[in-house]
Amino acid sequence: ENYNERVLPSIIHETLKAVVAQYNASQLITQR
């Protein structure tokens, strides 16, 4: 029943780290 707590945190953290690593800090602002 608590599927959100089991799935979302892990896939969101992994996705954010994978995407952010592809951009420079300035690009994260200009290409938000």
All heavy atoms as atom14 arrays in JSON, in Angstrom:
{
  "sequence": "ENYNERVLPSIIHETLKAVVAQYNASQLITQR",
  "atom14_mask": [
    [1, 1, 1, 1, 1, 1, 1, 1, 1, 0, 0, 0, 0, 0],
    [1, 1, 1, 1, 1, 1, 1, 1, 0, 0, 0, 0, 0, 0],
    [1, 1, 1, 1, 1, 1, 1, 1, 1, 1, 1, 1, 0, 0],
    [1, 1, 1, 1, 1, 1, 1, 1, 0, 0, 0, 0, 0, 0],
    [1, 1, 1, 1, 1, 1, 1, 1, 1, 0, 0, 0, 0, 0],
    [1, 1, 1, 1, 1, 1, 1, 1, 1, 1, 1, 0, 0, 0],
    [1, 1, 1, 1, 1, 1, 1, 0, 0, 0, 0, 0, 0, 0],
    [1, 1, 1, 1, 1, 1, 1, 1, 0, 0, 0, 0, 0, 0],
    [1, 1, 1, 1, 1, 1, 1, 0, 0, 0, 0, 0, 0, 0],
    [1, 1, 1, 1, 1, 1, 0, 0, 0, 0, 0, 0, 0, 0],
    [1, 1, 1, 1, 1, 1, 1, 1, 0, 0, 0, 0, 0, 0],
    [1, 1, 1, 1, 1, 1, 1, 1, 0, 0, 0, 0, 0, 0],
    [1, 1, 1, 1, 1, 1, 1, 1, 1, 1, 0, 0, 0, 0],
    [1, 1, 1, 1, 1, 1, 1, 1, 1, 0, 0, 0, 0, 0],
    [1, 1, 1, 1, 1, 1, 1, 0, 0, 0, 0, 0, 0, 0],
    [1, 1, 1, 1, 1, 1, 1, 1, 0, 0, 0, 0, 0, 0],
    [1, 1, 1, 1, 1, 1, 1, 1, 1, 0, 0, 0, 0, 0],
    [1, 1, 1, 1, 1, 0, 0, 0, 0, 0, 0, 0, 0, 0],
    [1, 1, 1, 1, 1, 1, 1, 0, 0, 0, 0, 0, 0, 0],
    [1, 1, 1, 1, 1, 1, 1, 0, 0, 0, 0, 0, 0, 0],
    [1, 1, 1, 1, 1, 0, 0, 0, 0, 0, 0, 0, 0, 0],
    [1, 1, 1, 1, 1, 1, 1, 1, 1, 0, 0, 0, 0, 0],
    [1, 1, 1, 1, 1, 1, 1, 1, 1, 1, 1, 1, 0, 0],
    [1, 1, 1, 1, 1, 1, 1, 1, 0, 0, 0, 0, 0, 0],
    [1, 1, 1, 1, 1, 0, 0, 0, 0, 0, 0, 0, 0, 0],
    [1, 1, 1, 1, 1, 1, 0, 0, 0, 0, 0, 0, 0, 0],
    [1, 1, 1, 1, 1, 1, 1, 1, 1, 0, 0, 0, 0, 0],
    [1, 1, 1, 1, 1, 1, 1, 1, 0, 0, 0, 0, 0, 0],
    [1, 1, 1, 1, 1, 1, 1, 1, 0, 0, 0, 0, 0, 0],
    [1, 1, 1, 1, 1, 1, 1, 0, 0, 0, 0, 0, 0, 0],
    [1, 1, 1, 1, 1, 1, 1, 1, 1, 0, 0, 0, 0, 0],
    [1, 1, 1, 1, 1, 1, 1, 1, 1, 1, 1, 0, 0, 0]
  ],
  "atom14_positions": [
    [[0.81, -1.21, 0.0], [0.0, 0.0, 0.0], [0.85, 1.26, 0.0], [0.45, 2.28, -0.55], [-0.94, -0.02, 1.22], [-1.96, -1.15, 1.2], [-2.93, -1.07, 2.35], [-3.58, 0.0, 2.49], [-3.05, -2.05, 3.11], [0.0, 0.0, 0.0], [0.0, 0.0, 0.0], [0.0, 0.0, 0.0], [0.0, 0.0, 0.0], [0.0, 0.0, 0.0]],
    [[2.0, 1.27, 0.63], [2.86, 2.45, 0.66], [3.88, 2.4, -0.47], [5.1, 2.47, -0.27], [3.56, 2.57, 2.01], [4.36, 1.33, 2.34], [4.14, 0.27, 1.76], [5.29, 1.45, 3.28], [0.0, 0.0, 0.0], [0.0, 0.0, 0.0], [0.0, 0.0, 0.0], [0.0, 0.0, 0.0], [0.0, 0.0, 0.0], [0.0, 0.0, 0.0]],
    [[3.36, 2.27, -1.7], [4.24, 2.11, -2.87], [5.05, 3.38, -3.13], [6.18, 3.32, -3.63], [3.38, 1.77, -4.09], [2.36, 2.81, -4.45], [2.64, 3.8, -5.36], [1.1, 2.8, -3.84], [1.69, 4.76, -5.67], [0.16, 3.75, -4.15], [0.46, 4.74, -5.07], [-0.47, 5.69, -5.37], [0.0, 0.0, 0.0], [0.0, 0.0, 0.0]],
    [[4.47, 4.57, -2.84], [5.18, 5.82, -3.11], [6.48, 5.92, -2.32], [7.53, 6.28, -2.85], [4.28, 7.01, -2.78], [3.28, 7.3, -3.88], [3.55, 7.02, -5.04], [2.13, 7.84, -3.53], [0.0, 0.0, 0.0], [0.0, 0.0, 0.0], [0.0, 0.0, 0.0], [0.0, 0.0, 0.0], [0.0, 0.0, 0.0], [0.0, 0.0, 0.0]],
    [[6.4, 5.6, -1.03], [7.6, 5.69, -0.18], [8.66, 4.67, -0.57], [9.84, 4.87, -0.3], [7.22, 5.51, 1.3], [6.46, 6.68, 1.91], [5.02, 6.78, 1.42], [4.55, 5.79, 0.8], [4.37, 7.81, 1.64], [0.0, 0.0, 0.0], [0.0, 0.0, 0.0], [0.0, 0.0, 0.0], [0.0, 0.0, 0.0], [0.0, 0.0, 0.0]],
    [[8.25, 3.59, -1.17], [9.22, 2.55, -1.55], [9.89, 2.83, -2.89], [11.02, 2.39, -3.12], [8.52, 1.2, -1.61], [8.01, 0.72, -0.27], [7.5, -0.7, -0.35], [7.04, -1.2, 0.94], [6.67, -2.45, 1.17], [6.68, -3.33, 0.17], [6.27, -2.82, 2.37], [0.0, 0.0, 0.0], [0.0, 0.0, 0.0], [0.0, 0.0, 0.0]],
    [[9.2, 3.54, -3.78], [9.7, 3.68, -5.15], [10.23, 5.08, -5.44], [11.35, 5.25, -5.93], [8.59, 3.32, -6.17], [9.04, 3.61, -7.59], [8.2, 1.86, -6.01], [0.0, 0.0, 0.0], [0.0, 0.0, 0.0], [0.0, 0.0, 0.0], [0.0, 0.0, 0.0], [0.0, 0.0, 0.0], [0.0, 0.0, 0.0], [0.0, 0.0, 0.0]],
    [[9.41, 6.11, -5.15], [9.73, 7.46, -5.62], [11.06, 8.01, -5.12], [11.84, 8.55, -5.91], [8.58, 8.4, -5.24], [7.27, 8.2, -5.99], [6.23, 9.2, -5.54], [7.49, 8.31, -7.49], [0.0, 0.0, 0.0], [0.0, 0.0, 0.0], [0.0, 0.0, 0.0], [0.0, 0.0, 0.0], [0.0, 0.0, 0.0], [0.0, 0.0, 0.0]],
    [[11.39, 7.93, -3.82], [12.67, 8.52, -3.39], [13.87, 7.96, -4.14], [14.76, 8.72, -4.55], [12.72, 8.2, -1.9], [11.3, 8.03, -1.49], [10.62, 7.4, -2.67], [0.0, 0.0, 0.0], [0.0, 0.0, 0.0], [0.0, 0.0, 0.0], [0.0, 0.0, 0.0], [0.0, 0.0, 0.0], [0.0, 0.0, 0.0], [0.0, 0.0, 0.0]],
    [[13.92, 6.67, -4.34], [15.09, 6.08, -4.99], [15.21, 6.48, -6.45], [16.28, 6.9, -6.91], [15.02, 4.55, -4.87], [13.84, 4.05, -5.5], [0.0, 0.0, 0.0], [0.0, 0.0, 0.0], [0.0, 0.0, 0.0], [0.0, 0.0, 0.0], [0.0, 0.0, 0.0], [0.0, 0.0, 0.0], [0.0, 0.0, 0.0], [0.0, 0.0, 0.0]],
    [[14.1, 6.4, -7.21], [14.21, 6.72, -8.64], [14.39, 8.23, -8.85], [15.06, 8.63, -9.81], [13.0, 6.19, -9.42], [11.7, 6.89, -8.98], [12.86, 4.7, -9.26], [10.49, 6.5, -9.81], [0.0, 0.0, 0.0], [0.0, 0.0, 0.0], [0.0, 0.0, 0.0], [0.0, 0.0, 0.0], [0.0, 0.0, 0.0], [0.0, 0.0, 0.0]],
    [[13.84, 9.07, -7.98], [14.01, 10.51, -8.13], [15.45, 10.91, -7.85], [16.06, 11.67, -8.62], [13.03, 11.27, -7.21], [11.6, 11.12, -7.73], [13.4, 12.75, -7.14], [10.55, 11.78, -6.84], [0.0, 0.0, 0.0], [0.0, 0.0, 0.0], [0.0, 0.0, 0.0], [0.0, 0.0, 0.0], [0.0, 0.0, 0.0], [0.0, 0.0, 0.0]],
    [[16.04, 10.42, -6.77], [17.43, 10.76, -6.46], [18.36, 10.27, -7.57], [19.28, 11.0, -7.99], [17.83, 10.13, -5.12], [17.25, 10.84, -3.93], [17.62, 12.12, -3.58], [16.32, 10.45, -3.02], [16.95, 12.48, -2.5], [16.15, 11.48, -2.14], [0.0, 0.0, 0.0], [0.0, 0.0, 0.0], [0.0, 0.0, 0.0], [0.0, 0.0, 0.0]],
    [[18.16, 9.07, -8.04], [19.03, 8.53, -9.09], [18.89, 9.34, -10.37], [19.89, 9.64, -11.05], [18.67, 7.07, -9.34], [19.57, 6.39, -10.37], [19.18, 4.94, -10.58], [18.3, 4.45, -9.86], [19.77, 4.32, -11.48], [0.0, 0.0, 0.0], [0.0, 0.0, 0.0], [0.0, 0.0, 0.0], [0.0, 0.0, 0.0], [0.0, 0.0, 0.0]],
    [[17.66, 9.72, -10.73], [17.45, 10.49, -11.96], [18.06, 11.87, -11.86], [18.7, 12.36, -12.81], [15.94, 10.6, -12.25], [15.38, 9.3, -12.38], [15.69, 11.38, -13.53], [0.0, 0.0, 0.0], [0.0, 0.0, 0.0], [0.0, 0.0, 0.0], [0.0, 0.0, 0.0], [0.0, 0.0, 0.0], [0.0, 0.0, 0.0], [0.0, 0.0, 0.0]],
    [[17.89, 12.53, -10.73], [18.46, 13.87, -10.56], [19.98, 13.84, -10.66], [20.58, 14.7, -11.32], [18.03, 14.45, -9.21], [16.56, 14.89, -9.09], [16.28, 15.39, -7.68], [16.25, 15.97, -10.09], [0.0, 0.0, 0.0], [0.0, 0.0, 0.0], [0.0, 0.0, 0.0], [0.0, 0.0, 0.0], [0.0, 0.0, 0.0], [0.0, 0.0, 0.0]],
    [[20.6, 12.89, -10.03], [22.07, 12.81, -10.09], [22.55, 12.54, -11.52], [23.56, 13.1, -11.96], [22.56, 11.72, -9.14], [22.34, 12.02, -7.66], [22.88, 10.92, -6.77], [22.59, 11.21, -5.3], [23.23, 12.45, -4.84], [0.0, 0.0, 0.0], [0.0, 0.0, 0.0], [0.0, 0.0, 0.0], [0.0, 0.0, 0.0], [0.0, 0.0, 0.0]],
    [[21.82, 11.69, -12.24], [22.23, 11.36, -13.61], [22.08, 12.56, -14.54], [22.93, 12.81, -15.41], [21.41, 10.18, -14.13], [0.0, 0.0, 0.0], [0.0, 0.0, 0.0], [0.0, 0.0, 0.0], [0.0, 0.0, 0.0], [0.0, 0.0, 0.0], [0.0, 0.0, 0.0], [0.0, 0.0, 0.0], [0.0, 0.0, 0.0], [0.0, 0.0, 0.0]],
    [[20.99, 13.33, -14.39], [20.75, 14.46, -15.28], [21.64, 15.64, -14.94], [22.23, 16.27, -15.83], [19.26, 14.86, -15.22], [19.02, 16.14, -16.03], [18.39, 13.74, -15.76], [0.0, 0.0, 0.0], [0.0, 0.0, 0.0], [0.0, 0.0, 0.0], [0.0, 0.0, 0.0], [0.0, 0.0, 0.0], [0.0, 0.0, 0.0], [0.0, 0.0, 0.0]],
    [[21.77, 15.96, -13.66], [22.58, 17.11, -13.25], [24.05, 16.92, -13.65], [24.74, 17.88, -14.02], [22.45, 17.34, -11.73], [23.45, 18.38, -11.25], [21.04, 17.78, -11.4], [0.0, 0.0, 0.0], [0.0, 0.0, 0.0], [0.0, 0.0, 0.0], [0.0, 0.0, 0.0], [0.0, 0.0, 0.0], [0.0, 0.0, 0.0], [0.0, 0.0, 0.0]],
    [[24.52, 15.7, -13.63], [25.93, 15.44, -13.99], [26.22, 15.74, -15.46], [27.38, 15.84, -15.84], [26.27, 13.98, -13.68], [0.0, 0.0, 0.0], [0.0, 0.0, 0.0], [0.0, 0.0, 0.0], [0.0, 0.0, 0.0], [0.0, 0.0, 0.0], [0.0, 0.0, 0.0], [0.0, 0.0, 0.0], [0.0, 0.0, 0.0], [0.0, 0.0, 0.0]],
    [[25.2, 15.91, -16.29], [25.4, 16.19, -17.71], [25.53, 17.68, -18.02], [25.85, 18.05, -19.14], [24.24, 15.61, -18.52], [24.07, 14.1, -18.38], [22.86, 13.59, -19.12], [22.23, 14.31, -19.89], [22.52, 12.32, -18.9], [0.0, 0.0, 0.0], [0.0, 0.0, 0.0], [0.0, 0.0, 0.0], [0.0, 0.0, 0.0], [0.0, 0.0, 0.0]],
    [[25.28, 18.55, -17.04], [25.26, 19.99, -17.27], [26.25, 20.68, -16.34], [26.51, 20.22, -15.23], [23.87, 20.57, -17.01], [22.82, 20.1, -17.99], [22.09, 18.93, -17.76], [22.53, 20.82, -19.14], [21.12, 18.49, -18.64], [21.56, 20.39, -20.03], [20.86, 19.23, -19.78], [19.9, 18.8, -20.66], [0.0, 0.0, 0.0], [0.0, 0.0, 0.0]],
    [[26.78, 21.83, -16.83], [27.55, 22.7, -15.96], [26.6, 23.48, -15.06], [25.4, 23.55, -15.32], [28.4, 23.68, -16.78], [29.49, 22.97, -17.55], [29.98, 21.93, -17.13], [29.85, 23.51, -18.7], [0.0, 0.0, 0.0], [0.0, 0.0, 0.0], [0.0, 0.0, 0.0], [0.0, 0.0, 0.0], [0.0, 0.0, 0.0], [0.0, 0.0, 0.0]],
    [[27.17, 24.07, -14.02], [26.32, 24.81, -13.07], [25.62, 25.98, -13.76], [24.44, 26.25, -13.51], [27.17, 25.32, -11.91], [0.0, 0.0, 0.0], [0.0, 0.0, 0.0], [0.0, 0.0, 0.0], [0.0, 0.0, 0.0], [0.0, 0.0, 0.0], [0.0, 0.0, 0.0], [0.0, 0.0, 0.0], [0.0, 0.0, 0.0], [0.0, 0.0, 0.0]],
    [[26.33, 26.67, -14.65], [25.7, 27.8, -15.36], [24.62, 27.32, -16.31], [23.59, 27.99, -16.49], [26.77, 28.58, -16.13], [27.44, 27.73, -17.06], [0.0, 0.0, 0.0], [0.0, 0.0, 0.0], [0.0, 0.0, 0.0], [0.0, 0.0, 0.0], [0.0, 0.0, 0.0], [0.0, 0.0, 0.0], [0.0, 0.0, 0.0], [0.0, 0.0, 0.0]],
    [[24.8, 26.15, -16.92], [23.79, 25.62, -17.83], [22.51, 25.21, -17.09], [21.42, 25.27, -17.66], [24.35, 24.41, -18.59], [25.45, 24.77, -19.57], [26.05, 23.53, -20.23], [25.95, 22.42, -19.69], [26.66, 23.73, -21.38], [0.0, 0.0, 0.0], [0.0, 0.0, 0.0], [0.0, 0.0, 0.0], [0.0, 0.0, 0.0], [0.0, 0.0, 0.0]],
    [[22.64, 24.8, -15.85], [21.45, 24.46, -15.06], [20.55, 25.68, -14.87], [19.34, 25.55, -14.72], [21.86, 23.91, -13.7], [22.56, 22.55, -13.71], [23.02, 22.19, -12.31], [21.65, 21.46, -14.26], [0.0, 0.0, 0.0], [0.0, 0.0, 0.0], [0.0, 0.0, 0.0], [0.0, 0.0, 0.0], [0.0, 0.0, 0.0], [0.0, 0.0, 0.0]],
    [[21.15, 26.88, -14.91], [20.36, 28.11, -14.78], [19.8, 28.54, -16.12], [18.61, 28.83, -16.26], [21.23, 29.23, -14.16], [21.72, 28.8, -12.77], [20.45, 30.53, -14.06], [22.68, 29.79, -12.14], [0.0, 0.0, 0.0], [0.0, 0.0, 0.0], [0.0, 0.0, 0.0], [0.0, 0.0, 0.0], [0.0, 0.0, 0.0], [0.0, 0.0, 0.0]],
    [[20.66, 28.58, -17.13], [20.23, 29.08, -18.44], [19.37, 28.08, -19.2], [18.55, 28.48, -20.03], [21.46, 29.44, -19.29], [22.3, 28.27, -19.43], [22.28, 30.53, -18.61], [0.0, 0.0, 0.0], [0.0, 0.0, 0.0], [0.0, 0.0, 0.0], [0.0, 0.0, 0.0], [0.0, 0.0, 0.0], [0.0, 0.0, 0.0], [0.0, 0.0, 0.0]],
    [[19.53, 26.79, -18.93], [18.77, 25.75, -19.64], [17.85, 24.99, -18.67], [17.7, 23.78, -18.77], [19.72, 24.78, -20.35], [20.65, 25.45, -21.33], [21.58, 24.47, -22.01], [21.31, 23.27, -22.07], [22.68, 24.97, -22.52], [0.0, 0.0, 0.0], [0.0, 0.0, 0.0], [0.0, 0.0, 0.0], [0.0, 0.0, 0.0], [0.0, 0.0, 0.0]],
    [[17.25, 25.72, -17.77], [16.43, 25.08, -16.73], [15.25, 24.32, -17.34], [14.89, 23.24, -16.87], [15.94, 26.16, -15.77], [15.11, 25.61, -14.62], [14.93, 26.67, -13.55], [14.12, 26.19, -12.44], [14.01, 26.83, -11.29], [14.66, 27.96, -11.1], [13.25, 26.34, -10.32], [0.0, 0.0, 0.0], [0.0, 0.0, 0.0], [0.0, 0.0, 0.0]]
  ]
}
